[in-house]
Amino acid sequence: MNKLSKIGVLTSGGDAPGMNAAVRAVVRKCVYENIKVTGIIKGYQGLVNGDFLPLNAGSVSGILKDGGTMLKSARCPEFRTPEGRATAYENFKKQKLDGLVVIGGDGTFTGANIFGREYNIPIIGVPGTIDNDLFGTDLTIGYDTALNTVVDAVDKIRDTATAHSRLFFIEVMGRDAGFIALNAGVASGAEVVLLPEKKTSYDDLKRFLEKQYSYSKDSSIVLVAEGKKMGNTFEIAQRVNEEHPEYDARVTILGHLQRGGSPTVADRVLASELGVAAVEALIDDQKSIMVGMVDGEIVHVPFNQALKNKKGINERLFNLINVLSGGKK
């Protein structure tokens, strides 16, 4: 068991609801274990710039319910260079830190993996990303809140789609992973979902829509994961309108709306458990791992595995979309 004196905690990458809950858990666990903790402002940029904030139990009071991140986040091109990481390490030593907890996604963990191995620093990752695309954990912090935000928005848009007999293409986040689109599609009753994991051609979409409307569907929702390889969402809708003006296709881009808002109960609990688990991992001399949750149990996943392996979508849910869309085989 390692006797820690002081650790640092940072949030990096895209913000996700529940990041504050994770920071709070890290700080409160450190206070419980009599370990000093310092917040690093704006992620790796703060580590390079020497922007630190001493934290205590009072510092994180009231942030459990807040979206975003009190520690801020920023891109840091300097940290991608050996020189930038050398500066970061000097600041790490000046602060007399014994380890780091980093909260973020694959980009955050890539930087942590390199930095930790270069300077033999104990670093523990906490998965905080609305995309839920990290291998080795069933859920990531922020995913459940983002799903609820998307479903709420789709429900409202469907009211208009039904009132005017329109076809809506709704773009959600997930450039390289379609977890939000797929699960929100099932929960909101979307007729079609377009995912980066599935090679859906325009002709496939066209045949499906024509089939649906032939069964007296006077409105439809198509959820599109951003960056879908079959084309830009506006281009898809425009082509549908040109070939089938009777569909009256419209586009809504949900965008950063999905990142904000107060975290759900599920995200608050997950963030609290993983934040505490990260500190426990440091106390246990672990390094270069992500703490995750699988089947309700805390797991330790090496950064290399979390980054190298691809998390697959649930094929059963994907097939369920077609079954529940109202058509026939």
C-alpha atoms as a PDB file:
ATOM      1  CA  MET A   1       0.000   0.000   0.000  1.00  0.00           C
ATOM      2  CA  ASN A   2       1.397   3.363  -1.035  1.00  0.00           C
ATOM      3  CA  LYS A   3       1.393   6.209   1.460  1.00  0.00           C
ATOM      4  CA  LEU A   4       0.174   9.168  -0.560  1.00  0.00           C
ATOM      5  CA  SER A   5       0.804  12.666   0.667  1.00  0.00           C
ATOM      6  CA  LYS A   6      -0.697  14.764  -2.129  1.00  0.00           C
ATOM      7  CA  ILE A   7      -2.376  14.143  -5.480  1.00  0.00           C
ATOM      8  CA  GLY A   8      -3.674  16.228  -8.351  1.00  0.00           C
ATOM      9  CA  VAL A   9      -7.004  15.972 -10.158  1.00  0.00           C
ATOM     10  CA  LEU A  10      -7.980  17.374 -13.545  1.00  0.00           C
ATOM     11  CA  THR A  11     -10.772  17.220 -16.107  1.00  0.00           C
ATOM     12  CA  SER A  12      -9.937  17.160 -19.798  1.00  0.00           C
ATOM     13  CA  GLY A  13     -11.586  16.877 -23.187  1.00  0.00           C
ATOM     14  CA  GLY A  14     -15.267  17.524 -23.767  1.00  0.00           C
ATOM     15  CA  ASP A  15     -17.200  18.275 -20.611  1.00  0.00           C
ATOM     16  CA  ALA A  16     -19.743  15.728 -19.408  1.00  0.00           C
ATOM     17  CA  PRO A  17     -22.473  15.983 -16.749  1.00  0.00           C
ATOM     18  CA  GLY A  18     -21.157  14.286 -13.628  1.00  0.00           C
ATOM     19  CA  MET A  19     -17.563  15.455 -13.932  1.00  0.00           C
ATOM     20  CA  ASN A  20     -18.108  17.709 -10.941  1.00  0.00           C
ATOM     21  CA  ALA A  21     -19.533  14.789  -8.987  1.00  0.00           C
ATOM     22  CA  ALA A  22     -16.362  12.824  -9.787  1.00  0.00           C
ATOM     23  CA  VAL A  23     -14.113  15.708  -8.694  1.00  0.00           C
ATOM     24  CA  ARG A  24     -16.110  15.967  -5.477  1.00  0.00           C
ATOM     25  CA  ALA A  25     -15.700  12.249  -4.821  1.00  0.00           C
ATOM     26  CA  VAL A  26     -11.942  12.407  -5.384  1.00  0.00           C
ATOM     27  CA  VAL A  27     -11.589  15.357  -3.022  1.00  0.00           C
ATOM     28  CA  ARG A  28     -13.844  13.951  -0.301  1.00  0.00           C
ATOM     29  CA  LYS A  29     -12.071  10.571  -0.455  1.00  0.00           C
ATOM     30  CA  CYS A  30      -8.706  12.316  -0.108  1.00  0.00           C
ATOM     31  CA  VAL A  31      -9.968  14.271   2.903  1.00  0.00           C
ATOM     32  CA  TYR A  32     -11.247  11.005   4.401  1.00  0.00           C
ATOM     33  CA  GLU A  33      -7.810   9.396   3.891  1.00  0.00           C
ATOM     34  CA  ASN A  34      -5.890  12.496   5.097  1.00  0.00           C
ATOM     35  CA  ILE A  35      -4.389  13.091   1.646  1.00  0.00           C
ATOM     36  CA  LYS A  36      -3.900  16.595   0.277  1.00  0.00           C
ATOM     37  CA  VAL A  37      -5.470  17.263  -3.123  1.00  0.00           C
ATOM     38  CA  THR A  38      -4.878  19.963  -5.693  1.00  0.00           C
ATOM     39  CA  GLY A  39      -7.108  20.811  -8.631  1.00  0.00           C
ATOM     40  CA  ILE A  40      -5.428  21.454 -11.962  1.00  0.00           C
ATOM     41  CA  ILE A  41      -7.249  24.151 -13.927  1.00  0.00           C
ATOM     42  CA  LYS A  42      -8.031  23.560 -17.615  1.00  0.00           C
ATOM     43  CA  GLY A  43      -6.673  20.041 -17.773  1.00  0.00           C
ATOM     44  CA  TYR A  44      -3.226  19.432 -19.208  1.00  0.00           C
ATOM     45  CA  GLN A  45      -2.986  23.134 -20.096  1.00  0.00           C
ATOM     46  CA  GLY A  46      -3.015  23.909 -16.385  1.00  0.00           C
ATOM     47  CA  LEU A  47      -0.335  21.304 -15.774  1.00  0.00           C
ATOM     48  CA  VAL A  48       1.879  22.963 -18.399  1.00  0.00           C
ATOM     49  CA  ASN A  49       1.083  26.505 -17.203  1.00  0.00           C
ATOM     50  CA  GLY A  50       1.287  25.717 -13.493  1.00  0.00           C
ATOM     51  CA  ASP A  51      -2.331  26.654 -12.809  1.00  0.00           C
ATOM     52  CA  PHE A  52      -3.207  24.861  -9.549  1.00  0.00           C
ATOM     53  CA  LEU A  53      -5.963  25.232  -6.968  1.00  0.00           C
ATOM     54  CA  PRO A  54      -5.724  23.642  -3.497  1.00  0.00           C
ATOM     55  CA  LEU A  55      -8.967  21.829  -2.699  1.00  0.00           C
ATOM     56  CA  ASN A  56     -10.680  20.743   0.486  1.00  0.00           C
ATOM     57  CA  ALA A  57     -14.087  19.390   1.484  1.00  0.00           C
ATOM     58  CA  GLY A  58     -15.613  22.869   1.366  1.00  0.00           C
ATOM     59  CA  SER A  59     -14.204  23.585  -2.095  1.00  0.00           C
ATOM     60  CA  VAL A  60     -16.500  20.983  -3.635  1.00  0.00           C
ATOM     61  CA  SER A  61     -19.583  21.669  -1.551  1.00  0.00           C
ATOM     62  CA  GLY A  62     -22.685  22.071  -3.713  1.00  0.00           C
ATOM     63  CA  ILE A  63     -21.152  20.983  -7.037  1.00  0.00           C
ATOM     64  CA  LEU A  64     -22.688  17.491  -7.103  1.00  0.00           C
ATOM     65  CA  LYS A  65     -25.709  18.741  -9.067  1.00  0.00           C
ATOM     66  CA  ASP A  66     -23.808  20.998 -11.473  1.00  0.00           C
ATOM     67  CA  GLY A  67     -23.073  20.232 -15.098  1.00  0.00           C
ATOM     68  CA  GLY A  68     -19.816  21.221 -16.765  1.00  0.00           C
ATOM     69  CA  THR A  69     -16.647  21.126 -14.688  1.00  0.00           C
ATOM     70  CA  MET A  70     -15.458  23.476 -11.947  1.00  0.00           C
ATOM     71  CA  LEU A  71     -11.872  22.687 -12.969  1.00  0.00           C
ATOM     72  CA  LYS A  72     -12.520  23.763 -16.571  1.00  0.00           C
ATOM     73  CA  SER A  73     -11.187  22.054 -19.673  1.00  0.00           C
ATOM     74  CA  ALA A  74      -9.067  23.151 -22.630  1.00  0.00           C
ATOM     75  CA  ARG A  75      -7.121  21.820 -25.570  1.00  0.00           C
ATOM     76  CA  CYS A  76      -3.379  21.703 -24.989  1.00  0.00           C
ATOM     77  CA  PRO A  77      -1.202  21.287 -28.101  1.00  0.00           C
ATOM     78  CA  GLU A  78       1.915  21.774 -25.939  1.00  0.00           C
ATOM     79  CA  PHE A  79       1.196  18.615 -23.956  1.00  0.00           C
ATOM     80  CA  ARG A  80       1.425  16.617 -27.170  1.00  0.00           C
ATOM     81  CA  THR A  81       5.112  17.526 -27.428  1.00  0.00           C
ATOM     82  CA  PRO A  82       7.984  16.115 -25.352  1.00  0.00           C
ATOM     83  CA  GLU A  83       8.930  19.659 -24.373  1.00  0.00           C
ATOM     84  CA  GLY A  84       5.443  20.453 -23.158  1.00  0.00           C
ATOM     85  CA  ARG A  85       5.268  17.279 -21.101  1.00  0.00           C
ATOM     86  CA  ALA A  86       8.688  18.044 -19.631  1.00  0.00           C
ATOM     87  CA  THR A  87       7.350  21.406 -18.443  1.00  0.00           C
ATOM     88  CA  ALA A  88       4.278  19.681 -17.051  1.00  0.00           C
ATOM     89  CA  TYR A  89       6.484  17.246 -15.138  1.00  0.00           C
ATOM     90  CA  GLU A  90       8.508  20.082 -13.614  1.00  0.00           C
ATOM     91  CA  ASN A  91       5.285  21.658 -12.361  1.00  0.00           C
ATOM     92  CA  PHE A  92       4.146  18.254 -11.097  1.00  0.00           C
ATOM     93  CA  LYS A  93       7.336  18.001  -9.031  1.00  0.00           C
ATOM     94  CA  LYS A  94       7.092  21.591  -7.789  1.00  0.00           C
ATOM     95  CA  GLN A  95       3.642  20.804  -6.406  1.00  0.00           C
ATOM     96  CA  LYS A  96       5.097  17.686  -4.722  1.00  0.00           C
ATOM     97  CA  LEU A  97       2.363  15.510  -6.167  1.00  0.00           C
ATOM     98  CA  ASP A  98       2.483  11.735  -5.753  1.00  0.00           C
ATOM     99  CA  GLY A  99      -0.032  10.928  -8.478  1.00  0.00           C
ATOM    100  CA  LEU A 100      -2.827  12.161 -10.710  1.00  0.00           C
ATOM    101  CA  VAL A 101      -6.490  11.421 -11.274  1.00  0.00           C
ATOM    102  CA  VAL A 102      -7.582  12.426 -14.787  1.00  0.00           C
ATOM    103  CA  ILE A 103     -11.252  12.581 -15.730  1.00  0.00           C
ATOM    104  CA  GLY A 104     -12.076  12.461 -19.435  1.00  0.00           C
ATOM    105  CA  GLY A 105     -12.227  10.338 -22.569  1.00  0.00           C
ATOM    106  CA  ASP A 106      -9.849   8.623 -24.963  1.00  0.00           C
ATOM    107  CA  GLY A 107      -7.842  11.764 -25.736  1.00  0.00           C
ATOM    108  CA  THR A 108      -7.358  12.398 -22.022  1.00  0.00           C
ATOM    109  CA  PHE A 109      -6.242   8.819 -21.453  1.00  0.00           C
ATOM    110  CA  THR A 110      -3.879   8.882 -24.435  1.00  0.00           C
ATOM    111  CA  GLY A 111      -2.053  11.843 -22.925  1.00  0.00           C
ATOM    112  CA  ALA A 112      -2.081  10.266 -19.472  1.00  0.00           C
ATOM    113  CA  ASN A 113      -0.689   6.991 -20.796  1.00  0.00           C
ATOM    114  CA  ILE A 114       2.240   8.705 -22.513  1.00  0.00           C
ATOM    115  CA  PHE A 115       2.966  11.080 -19.622  1.00  0.00           C
ATOM    116  CA  GLY A 116       2.751   8.377 -16.981  1.00  0.00           C
ATOM    117  CA  ARG A 117       5.123   6.047 -18.799  1.00  0.00           C
ATOM    118  CA  GLU A 118       7.617   8.784 -19.684  1.00  0.00           C
ATOM    119  CA  TYR A 119       8.033   9.912 -16.081  1.00  0.00           C
ATOM    120  CA  ASN A 120       6.839   6.855 -14.145  1.00  0.00           C
ATOM    121  CA  ILE A 121       3.936   8.810 -12.633  1.00  0.00           C
ATOM    122  CA  PRO A 122       0.992   6.961 -11.100  1.00  0.00           C
ATOM    123  CA  ILE A 123      -2.039   8.129 -13.092  1.00  0.00           C
ATOM    124  CA  ILE A 124      -5.577   6.809 -12.771  1.00  0.00           C
ATOM    125  CA  GLY A 125      -8.245   7.582 -15.355  1.00  0.00           C
ATOM    126  CA  VAL A 126     -11.933   8.118 -14.659  1.00  0.00           C
ATOM    127  CA  PRO A 127     -14.110   7.711 -17.796  1.00  0.00           C
ATOM    128  CA  GLY A 128     -16.000  10.968 -18.326  1.00  0.00           C
ATOM    129  CA  THR A 129     -17.527  11.279 -21.804  1.00  0.00           C
ATOM    130  CA  ILE A 130     -21.089  11.441 -23.076  1.00  0.00           C
ATOM    131  CA  ASP A 131     -20.190   9.127 -25.991  1.00  0.00           C
ATOM    132  CA  ASN A 132     -19.860   5.992 -23.801  1.00  0.00           C
ATOM    133  CA  ASP A 133     -17.221   4.752 -26.242  1.00  0.00           C
ATOM    134  CA  LEU A 134     -14.460   3.624 -23.865  1.00  0.00           C
ATOM    135  CA  PHE A 135     -13.687  -0.066 -23.822  1.00  0.00           C
ATOM    136  CA  GLY A 136     -13.679  -1.789 -20.440  1.00  0.00           C
ATOM    137  CA  THR A 137     -16.604  -0.050 -18.754  1.00  0.00           C
ATOM    138  CA  ASP A 138     -20.332  -0.518 -19.270  1.00  0.00           C
ATOM    139  CA  LEU A 139     -21.015   3.176 -18.763  1.00  0.00           C
ATOM    140  CA  THR A 140     -19.109   6.442 -18.831  1.00  0.00           C
ATOM    141  CA  ILE A 141     -19.919   9.514 -16.758  1.00  0.00           C
ATOM    142  CA  GLY A 142     -22.303  11.836 -18.614  1.00  0.00           C
ATOM    143  CA  TYR A 143     -23.768   9.256 -20.972  1.00  0.00           C
ATOM    144  CA  ASP A 144     -27.027   8.715 -19.102  1.00  0.00           C
ATOM    145  CA  THR A 145     -27.655  12.456 -18.776  1.00  0.00           C
ATOM    146  CA  ALA A 146     -26.950  13.020 -22.471  1.00  0.00           C
ATOM    147  CA  LEU A 147     -29.350  10.222 -23.389  1.00  0.00           C
ATOM    148  CA  ASN A 148     -32.122  11.759 -21.314  1.00  0.00           C
ATOM    149  CA  THR A 149     -31.460  15.164 -22.880  1.00  0.00           C
ATOM    150  CA  VAL A 150     -31.669  13.706 -26.392  1.00  0.00           C
ATOM    151  CA  VAL A 151     -34.856  11.739 -25.689  1.00  0.00           C
ATOM    152  CA  ASP A 152     -36.519  14.805 -24.187  1.00  0.00           C
ATOM    153  CA  ALA A 153     -35.622  16.835 -27.290  1.00  0.00           C
ATOM    154  CA  VAL A 154     -36.787  14.114 -29.697  1.00  0.00           C
ATOM    155  CA  ASP A 155     -40.107  13.787 -27.865  1.00  0.00           C
ATOM    156  CA  LYS A 156     -40.713  17.504 -28.363  1.00  0.00           C
ATOM    157  CA  ILE A 157     -39.692  17.424 -32.022  1.00  0.00           C
ATOM    158  CA  ARG A 158     -41.984  14.460 -32.658  1.00  0.00           C
ATOM    159  CA  ASP A 159     -44.947  16.579 -31.574  1.00  0.00           C
ATOM    160  CA  THR A 160     -44.191  18.960 -34.437  1.00  0.00           C
ATOM    161  CA  ALA A 161     -43.360  16.144 -36.855  1.00  0.00           C
ATOM    162  CA  THR A 162     -46.736  14.520 -36.193  1.00  0.00           C
ATOM    163  CA  ALA A 163     -48.678  17.789 -36.347  1.00  0.00           C
ATOM    164  CA  HIS A 164     -47.267  18.611 -39.799  1.00  0.00           C
ATOM    165  CA  SER A 165     -46.704  15.068 -41.157  1.00  0.00           C
ATOM    166  CA  ARG A 166     -42.994  15.694 -41.486  1.00  0.00           C
ATOM    167  CA  LEU A 167     -39.833  13.625 -41.582  1.00  0.00           C
ATOM    168  CA  PHE A 168     -37.182  14.907 -39.156  1.00  0.00           C
ATOM    169  CA  PHE A 169     -33.489  14.099 -39.329  1.00  0.00           C
ATOM    170  CA  ILE A 170     -32.072  14.737 -35.865  1.00  0.00           C
ATOM    171  CA  GLU A 171     -28.290  14.775 -35.533  1.00  0.00           C
ATOM    172  CA  VAL A 172     -26.804  13.721 -32.205  1.00  0.00           C
ATOM    173  CA  MET A 173     -23.217  13.527 -30.987  1.00  0.00           C
ATOM    174  CA  GLY A 174     -21.168  10.432 -31.720  1.00  0.00           C
ATOM    175  CA  ARG A 175     -18.745  10.979 -34.591  1.00  0.00           C
ATOM    176  CA  ASP A 176     -17.025   7.627 -34.120  1.00  0.00           C
ATOM    177  CA  ALA A 177     -19.545   5.871 -31.870  1.00  0.00           C
ATOM    178  CA  GLY A 178     -23.286   5.505 -32.188  1.00  0.00           C
ATOM    179  CA  PHE A 179     -24.243   4.662 -28.602  1.00  0.00           C
ATOM    180  CA  ILE A 180     -26.244   7.856 -28.065  1.00  0.00           C
ATOM    181  CA  ALA A 181     -28.094   7.535 -31.365  1.00  0.00           C
ATOM    182  CA  LEU A 182     -28.884   3.846 -30.861  1.00  0.00           C
ATOM    183  CA  ASN A 183     -30.130   3.938 -27.275  1.00  0.00           C
ATOM    184  CA  ALA A 184     -31.933   7.248 -27.683  1.00  0.00           C
ATOM    185  CA  GLY A 185     -33.473   5.853 -30.857  1.00  0.00           C
ATOM    186  CA  VAL A 186     -35.003   2.932 -28.989  1.00  0.00           C
ATOM    187  CA  ALA A 187     -36.148   5.118 -26.088  1.00  0.00           C
ATOM    188  CA  SER A 188     -37.727   7.795 -28.315  1.00  0.00           C
ATOM    189  CA  GLY A 189     -39.278   5.465 -30.874  1.00  0.00           C
ATOM    190  CA  ALA A 190     -37.143   6.621 -33.800  1.00  0.00           C
ATOM    191  CA  GLU A 191     -37.961   4.820 -37.028  1.00  0.00           C
ATOM    192  CA  VAL A 192     -34.355   4.808 -38.289  1.00  0.00           C
ATOM    193  CA  VAL A 193     -30.908   5.301 -36.735  1.00  0.00           C
ATOM    194  CA  LEU A 194     -27.761   5.932 -38.777  1.00  0.00           C
ATOM    195  CA  LEU A 195     -24.598   4.834 -37.014  1.00  0.00           C
ATOM    196  CA  PRO A 196     -20.883   4.986 -37.857  1.00  0.00           C
ATOM    197  CA  GLU A 197     -20.662   1.294 -36.950  1.00  0.00           C
ATOM    198  CA  LYS A 198     -23.181   0.357 -39.662  1.00  0.00           C
ATOM    199  CA  LYS A 199     -22.716   0.799 -43.400  1.00  0.00           C
ATOM    200  CA  THR A 200     -26.138   2.192 -44.228  1.00  0.00           C
ATOM    201  CA  SER A 201     -26.215   3.446 -47.802  1.00  0.00           C
ATOM    202  CA  TYR A 202     -28.595   6.123 -49.008  1.00  0.00           C
ATOM    203  CA  ASP A 203     -30.471   3.490 -51.002  1.00  0.00           C
ATOM    204  CA  ASP A 204     -30.989   1.451 -47.830  1.00  0.00           C
ATOM    205  CA  LEU A 205     -32.405   4.535 -46.093  1.00  0.00           C
ATOM    206  CA  LYS A 206     -34.605   5.347 -49.076  1.00  0.00           C
ATOM    207  CA  ARG A 207     -36.073   1.849 -49.252  1.00  0.00           C
ATOM    208  CA  PHE A 208     -36.744   1.838 -45.526  1.00  0.00           C
ATOM    209  CA  LEU A 209     -38.498   5.207 -45.552  1.00  0.00           C
ATOM    210  CA  GLU A 210     -40.656   4.267 -48.516  1.00  0.00           C
ATOM    211  CA  LYS A 211     -41.596   1.047 -46.739  1.00  0.00           C
ATOM    212  CA  GLN A 212     -42.524   2.910 -43.559  1.00  0.00           C
ATOM    213  CA  TYR A 213     -44.687   5.472 -45.307  1.00  0.00           C
ATOM    214  CA  SER A 214     -46.434   2.698 -47.206  1.00  0.00           C
ATOM    215  CA  TYR A 215     -47.783   1.567 -43.829  1.00  0.00           C
ATOM    216  CA  SER A 216     -49.508   4.919 -43.232  1.00  0.00           C
ATOM    217  CA  LYS A 217     -46.735   6.488 -41.178  1.00  0.00           C
ATOM    218  CA  ASP A 218     -47.414  10.196 -41.616  1.00  0.00           C
ATOM    219  CA  SER A 219     -44.293  11.265 -39.693  1.00  0.00           C
ATOM    220  CA  SER A 220     -40.909   9.756 -38.911  1.00  0.00           C
ATOM    221  CA  ILE A 221     -37.797  10.431 -36.872  1.00  0.00           C
ATOM    222  CA  VAL A 222     -34.336   9.520 -38.158  1.00  0.00           C
ATOM    223  CA  LEU A 223     -31.516   9.812 -35.621  1.00  0.00           C
ATOM    224  CA  VAL A 224     -28.095  10.418 -37.170  1.00  0.00           C
ATOM    225  CA  ALA A 225     -24.798  10.095 -35.314  1.00  0.00           C
ATOM    226  CA  GLU A 226     -22.692  13.101 -36.371  1.00  0.00           C
ATOM    227  CA  GLY A 227     -20.018  12.351 -38.941  1.00  0.00           C
ATOM    228  CA  LYS A 228     -21.980   9.480 -40.459  1.00  0.00           C
ATOM    229  CA  LYS A 229     -19.977   8.336 -43.494  1.00  0.00           C
ATOM    230  CA  MET A 230     -22.987   8.306 -45.817  1.00  0.00           C
ATOM    231  CA  GLY A 231     -22.933  12.112 -45.797  1.00  0.00           C
ATOM    232  CA  ASN A 232     -23.707  15.336 -43.989  1.00  0.00           C
ATOM    233  CA  THR A 233     -27.118  15.314 -42.289  1.00  0.00           C
ATOM    234  CA  PHE A 234     -28.264  18.374 -44.264  1.00  0.00           C
ATOM    235  CA  GLU A 235     -27.145  16.731 -47.509  1.00  0.00           C
ATOM    236  CA  ILE A 236     -29.104  13.574 -46.706  1.00  0.00           C
ATOM    237  CA  ALA A 237     -32.258  15.567 -45.933  1.00  0.00           C
ATOM    238  CA  GLN A 238     -31.839  17.686 -49.049  1.00  0.00           C
ATOM    239  CA  ARG A 239     -31.558  14.602 -51.239  1.00  0.00           C
ATOM    240  CA  VAL A 240     -34.675  13.107 -49.657  1.00  0.00           C
ATOM    241  CA  ASN A 241     -36.590  16.333 -50.288  1.00  0.00           C
ATOM    242  CA  GLU A 242     -35.467  16.467 -53.915  1.00  0.00           C
ATOM    243  CA  GLU A 243     -36.508  12.892 -54.607  1.00  0.00           C
ATOM    244  CA  HIS A 244     -39.549  12.798 -52.303  1.00  0.00           C
ATOM    245  CA  PRO A 245     -40.861  16.321 -51.645  1.00  0.00           C
ATOM    246  CA  GLU A 246     -43.953  14.785 -50.060  1.00  0.00           C
ATOM    247  CA  TYR A 247     -41.811  13.820 -47.048  1.00  0.00           C
ATOM    248  CA  ASP A 248     -41.098  17.483 -46.177  1.00  0.00           C
ATOM    249  CA  ALA A 249     -37.831  16.498 -44.473  1.00  0.00           C
ATOM    250  CA  ARG A 250     -36.395  18.841 -41.853  1.00  0.00           C
ATOM    251  CA  VAL A 251     -33.102  18.815 -39.897  1.00  0.00           C
ATOM    252  CA  THR A 252     -32.396  19.537 -36.245  1.00  0.00           C
ATOM    253  CA  ILE A 253     -28.836  19.511 -34.895  1.00  0.00           C
ATOM    254  CA  LEU A 254     -28.870  19.016 -31.128  1.00  0.00           C
ATOM    255  CA  GLY A 255     -25.162  19.842 -30.801  1.00  0.00           C
ATOM    256  CA  HIS A 256     -23.740  20.964 -27.471  1.00  0.00           C
ATOM    257  CA  LEU A 257     -27.161  20.929 -25.883  1.00  0.00           C
ATOM    258  CA  GLN A 258     -26.321  17.288 -25.155  1.00  0.00           C
ATOM    259  CA  ARG A 259     -23.295  18.127 -23.013  1.00  0.00           C
ATOM    260  CA  GLY A 260     -24.949  20.409 -20.499  1.00  0.00           C
ATOM    261  CA  GLY A 261     -27.407  20.135 -17.682  1.00  0.00           C
ATOM    262  CA  SER A 262     -27.581  18.725 -14.182  1.00  0.00           C
ATOM    263  CA  PRO A 263     -26.440  15.079 -14.082  1.00  0.00           C
ATOM    264  CA  THR A 264     -29.005  12.347 -13.583  1.00  0.00           C
ATOM    265  CA  VAL A 265     -29.079  10.153 -10.483  1.00  0.00           C
ATOM    266  CA  ALA A 266     -27.327   7.397 -12.444  1.00  0.00           C
ATOM    267  CA  ASP A 267     -24.466   9.717 -13.448  1.00  0.00           C
ATOM    268  CA  ARG A 268     -24.104  11.156  -9.940  1.00  0.00           C
ATOM    269  CA  VAL A 269     -23.845   7.681  -8.421  1.00  0.00           C
ATOM    270  CA  LEU A 270     -21.469   6.402 -11.116  1.00  0.00           C
ATOM    271  CA  ALA A 271     -19.220   9.456 -10.809  1.00  0.00           C
ATOM    272  CA  SER A 272     -19.140   9.174  -7.025  1.00  0.00           C
ATOM    273  CA  GLU A 273     -18.197   5.490  -7.122  1.00  0.00           C
ATOM    274  CA  LEU A 274     -15.522   5.921  -9.772  1.00  0.00           C
ATOM    275  CA  GLY A 275     -14.004   9.010  -8.139  1.00  0.00           C
ATOM    276  CA  VAL A 276     -13.537   7.156  -4.852  1.00  0.00           C
ATOM    277  CA  ALA A 277     -12.251   4.073  -6.715  1.00  0.00           C
ATOM    278  CA  ALA A 278      -9.612   6.186  -8.475  1.00  0.00           C
ATOM    279  CA  VAL A 279      -8.122   7.372  -5.186  1.00  0.00           C
ATOM    280  CA  GLU A 280      -8.254   3.829  -3.809  1.00  0.00           C
ATOM    281  CA  ALA A 281      -6.335   2.644  -6.882  1.00  0.00           C
ATOM    282  CA  LEU A 282      -3.603   5.210  -6.250  1.00  0.00           C
ATOM    283  CA  ILE A 283      -3.395   4.140  -2.608  1.00  0.00           C
ATOM    284  CA  ASP A 284      -3.038   0.560  -3.874  1.00  0.00           C
ATOM    285  CA  ASP A 285      -0.002   1.498  -6.035  1.00  0.00           C
ATOM    286  CA  GLN A 286      -1.897   1.156  -9.319  1.00  0.00           C
ATOM    287  CA  LYS A 287      -0.789   3.205 -12.310  1.00  0.00           C
ATOM    288  CA  SER A 288      -1.736   3.754 -15.955  1.00  0.00           C
ATOM    289  CA  ILE A 289      -5.220   2.294 -15.530  1.00  0.00           C
ATOM    290  CA  MET A 290      -8.815   3.378 -15.958  1.00  0.00           C
ATOM    291  CA  VAL A 291     -11.342   2.585 -13.261  1.00  0.00           C
ATOM    292  CA  GLY A 292     -14.598   1.396 -14.798  1.00  0.00           C
ATOM    293  CA  MET A 293     -17.869  -0.306 -13.969  1.00  0.00           C
ATOM    294  CA  VAL A 294     -18.829  -3.717 -15.350  1.00  0.00           C
ATOM    295  CA  ASP A 295     -21.950  -5.532 -14.167  1.00  0.00           C
ATOM    296  CA  GLY A 296     -22.108  -3.228 -11.165  1.00  0.00           C
ATOM    297  CA  GLU A 297     -18.547  -3.935 -10.039  1.00  0.00           C
ATOM    298  CA  ILE A 298     -15.464  -1.706 -10.094  1.00  0.00           C
ATOM    299  CA  VAL A 299     -12.832  -2.875 -12.584  1.00  0.00           C
ATOM    300  CA  HIS A 300      -9.282  -1.770 -13.407  1.00  0.00           C
ATOM    301  CA  VAL A 301      -8.480  -1.558 -17.112  1.00  0.00           C
ATOM    302  CA  PRO A 302      -4.958  -0.724 -18.374  1.00  0.00           C
ATOM    303  CA  PHE A 303      -4.913   2.422 -20.487  1.00  0.00           C
ATOM    304  CA  ASN A 304      -3.494   0.406 -23.392  1.00  0.00           C
ATOM    305  CA  GLN A 305      -6.520  -1.893 -23.407  1.00  0.00           C
ATOM    306  CA  ALA A 306      -9.054   0.908 -22.976  1.00  0.00           C
ATOM    307  CA  LEU A 307      -7.527   2.772 -25.921  1.00  0.00           C
ATOM    308  CA  LYS A 308      -6.648  -0.115 -28.215  1.00  0.00           C
ATOM    309  CA  ASN A 309      -9.907  -2.064 -28.129  1.00  0.00           C
ATOM    310  CA  LYS A 310     -13.128  -0.887 -29.737  1.00  0.00           C
ATOM    311  CA  LYS A 311     -16.393  -1.040 -27.851  1.00  0.00           C
ATOM    312  CA  GLY A 312     -19.111  -2.603 -29.977  1.00  0.00           C
ATOM    313  CA  ILE A 313     -22.724  -1.537 -30.199  1.00  0.00           C
ATOM    314  CA  ASN A 314     -25.550  -3.752 -28.980  1.00  0.00           C
ATOM    315  CA  GLU A 315     -26.725  -5.613 -32.087  1.00  0.00           C
ATOM    316  CA  ARG A 316     -29.910  -6.689 -30.312  1.00  0.00           C
ATOM    317  CA  LEU A 317     -30.899  -3.041 -29.798  1.00  0.00           C
ATOM    318  CA  PHE A 318     -30.059  -2.196 -33.392  1.00  0.00           C
ATOM    319  CA  ASN A 319     -32.364  -4.968 -34.647  1.00  0.00           C
ATOM    320  CA  LEU A 320     -35.016  -3.822 -32.181  1.00  0.00           C
ATOM    321  CA  ILE A 321     -35.292  -0.466 -33.976  1.00  0.00           C
ATOM    322  CA  ASN A 322     -36.531  -2.220 -37.103  1.00  0.00           C
ATOM    323  CA  VAL A 323     -38.984  -4.403 -35.195  1.00  0.00           C
ATOM    324  CA  LEU A 324     -40.519  -1.481 -33.281  1.00  0.00           C
ATOM    325  CA  SER A 325     -40.648   0.982 -36.170  1.00  0.00           C
ATOM    326  CA  GLY A 326     -44.133  -0.109 -37.216  1.00  0.00           C
ATOM    327  CA  GLY A 327     -43.387  -1.866 -40.494  1.00  0.00           C
ATOM    328  CA  LYS A 328     -43.296  -5.520 -41.507  1.00  0.00           C
ATOM    329  CA  LYS A 329     -40.497  -7.815 -42.658  1.00  0.00           C
END
